[in-house]
Amino acid sequence: MSVVTKPWGYYEDYFRTDDVVFKKIVITPGQSISYQVHHKREEFWYIVSGEGKMKIDGMIWYAKPRQYFHIKKNSAHQMINDGTENIVAYEMQFGFCSEDDLMRIEDQYGRS
């Protein structure tokens, strides 16, 4: 398993092929992933612990443990940790699963 550190926390791959990925994502308090789009894959997020918000195509949902989100191809999405503890989520990706399939719309860390 490989751990990849990001400005918002980290992710850890459990399983990765060209068309399926299973990973754990940890987002620290006050941080968020980019508001982003994937053109070649869809994702399922399952919240294990922590609380925050999931933004999908401009709509915002409260995110809490045992909740899941389906993010379709070409849907803009962002997980926001506005809570006081880490958000831990499991993410499954289906389709063409490349980390290069990412178009950032907004990013609080100045990444393009």
Protein backbone atom coordinates (compact mmCIF):
# COMPACT_ATOMS: atom_id res chain seq x y z
CA MET A 1 0.00 0.00 0.00
CA SER A 2 1.28 3.44 -0.85
CA VAL A 3 0.51 6.62 1.10
CA VAL A 4 0.36 9.92 -0.80
CA THR A 5 0.54 13.13 1.24
CA LYS A 6 -1.58 16.08 0.08
CA PRO A 7 -2.08 19.62 1.48
CA TRP A 8 -5.50 18.51 2.80
CA GLY A 9 -4.30 15.23 4.40
CA TYR A 10 -3.44 12.00 2.60
CA TYR A 11 -4.75 8.99 0.74
CA GLU A 12 -3.67 5.38 0.92
CA ASP A 13 -4.16 2.97 -1.98
CA TYR A 14 -5.44 -0.47 -0.99
CA PHE A 15 -6.03 -1.71 -4.54
CA ARG A 16 -5.22 -0.10 -7.90
CA THR A 17 -5.61 -1.23 -11.51
CA ASP A 18 -6.23 0.79 -14.66
CA ASP A 19 -10.00 0.51 -14.23
CA VAL A 20 -10.65 0.00 -10.48
CA VAL A 21 -9.20 1.77 -7.44
CA PHE A 22 -9.98 1.34 -3.74
CA LYS A 23 -8.41 3.83 -1.34
CA LYS A 24 -8.71 5.41 2.09
CA ILE A 25 -8.85 9.20 2.16
CA VAL A 26 -8.13 11.29 5.28
CA ILE A 27 -9.00 15.01 5.24
CA THR A 28 -7.80 17.02 8.22
CA PRO A 29 -9.95 19.66 9.99
CA GLY A 30 -10.30 22.94 8.12
CA GLN A 31 -9.13 21.41 4.83
CA SER A 32 -10.84 20.30 1.62
CA ILE A 33 -10.01 18.57 -1.62
CA SER A 34 -10.21 20.62 -4.83
CA TYR A 35 -13.58 21.32 -6.39
CA GLN A 36 -12.84 19.01 -9.33
CA VAL A 37 -14.14 16.95 -12.23
CA HIS A 38 -13.10 13.54 -13.59
CA HIS A 39 -14.03 12.87 -17.22
CA LYS A 40 -13.17 9.16 -17.43
CA ARG A 41 -14.23 7.67 -14.11
CA GLU A 42 -16.95 7.66 -11.52
CA GLU A 43 -16.44 7.46 -7.76
CA PHE A 44 -18.25 6.16 -4.70
CA TRP A 45 -17.33 7.71 -1.34
CA TYR A 46 -18.26 6.07 1.98
CA ILE A 47 -17.74 8.17 5.13
CA VAL A 48 -16.24 6.16 8.01
CA SER A 49 -15.65 8.91 10.58
CA GLY A 50 -15.68 12.67 10.94
CA GLU A 51 -18.22 15.15 9.65
CA GLY A 52 -18.22 17.79 6.95
CA LYS A 53 -19.82 18.62 3.63
CA MET A 54 -19.85 17.06 0.17
CA LYS A 55 -20.40 19.46 -2.73
CA ILE A 56 -21.57 17.86 -5.99
CA ASP A 57 -22.45 20.00 -9.00
CA GLY A 58 -23.06 23.03 -6.79
CA MET A 59 -25.33 21.24 -4.30
CA ILE A 60 -24.06 20.74 -0.74
CA TRP A 61 -24.87 17.74 1.46
CA TYR A 62 -23.99 17.16 5.10
CA ALA A 63 -21.49 14.28 5.30
CA LYS A 64 -21.38 12.01 8.35
CA PRO A 65 -20.38 8.42 9.18
CA ARG A 66 -22.15 5.60 7.29
CA GLN A 67 -23.20 7.95 4.51
CA TYR A 68 -22.17 7.40 0.90
CA PHE A 69 -22.01 9.53 -2.24
CA HIS A 70 -22.03 8.52 -5.90
CA ILE A 71 -20.07 10.93 -8.10
CA LYS A 72 -20.74 10.39 -11.79
CA LYS A 73 -18.32 11.13 -14.61
CA ASN A 74 -18.14 14.88 -15.37
CA SER A 75 -19.71 15.83 -12.01
CA ALA A 76 -17.90 18.59 -10.12
CA HIS A 77 -17.29 17.52 -6.52
CA GLN A 78 -15.47 18.47 -3.32
CA MET A 79 -15.25 17.06 0.20
CA ILE A 80 -14.97 19.82 2.82
CA ASN A 81 -13.87 19.17 6.40
CA ASP A 82 -15.36 22.00 8.43
CA GLY A 83 -15.41 19.81 11.54
CA THR A 84 -12.98 19.29 14.41
CA GLU A 85 -11.73 15.78 13.61
CA ASN A 86 -10.36 14.02 10.55
CA ILE A 87 -12.79 12.86 7.90
CA VAL A 88 -11.95 9.27 6.99
CA ALA A 89 -13.59 7.96 3.84
CA TYR A 90 -13.22 5.00 1.53
CA GLU A 91 -13.32 5.77 -2.17
CA MET A 92 -13.93 3.34 -5.02
CA GLN A 93 -13.24 4.45 -8.57
CA PHE A 94 -14.51 2.79 -11.75
CA GLY A 95 -13.56 3.62 -15.34
CA PHE A 96 -10.18 4.91 -16.47
CA CYS A 97 -8.55 5.38 -13.05
CA SER A 98 -5.63 7.72 -13.60
CA GLU A 99 -4.69 10.47 -11.13
CA ASP A 100 -4.18 12.59 -14.28
CA ASP A 101 -7.95 12.50 -14.97
CA LEU A 102 -8.48 15.63 -12.88
CA MET A 103 -9.69 19.09 -13.82
CA ARG A 104 -9.60 21.51 -10.89
CA ILE A 105 -12.30 24.18 -10.80
CA GLU A 106 -11.34 25.70 -7.42
CA ASP A 107 -8.40 24.91 -5.17
CA GLN A 108 -7.58 26.62 -1.86
CA TYR A 109 -3.92 25.62 -2.23
CA GLY A 110 -3.33 27.40 -5.56
CA ARG A 111 -2.96 24.22 -7.64
CA SER A 112 -4.19 24.24 -11.24
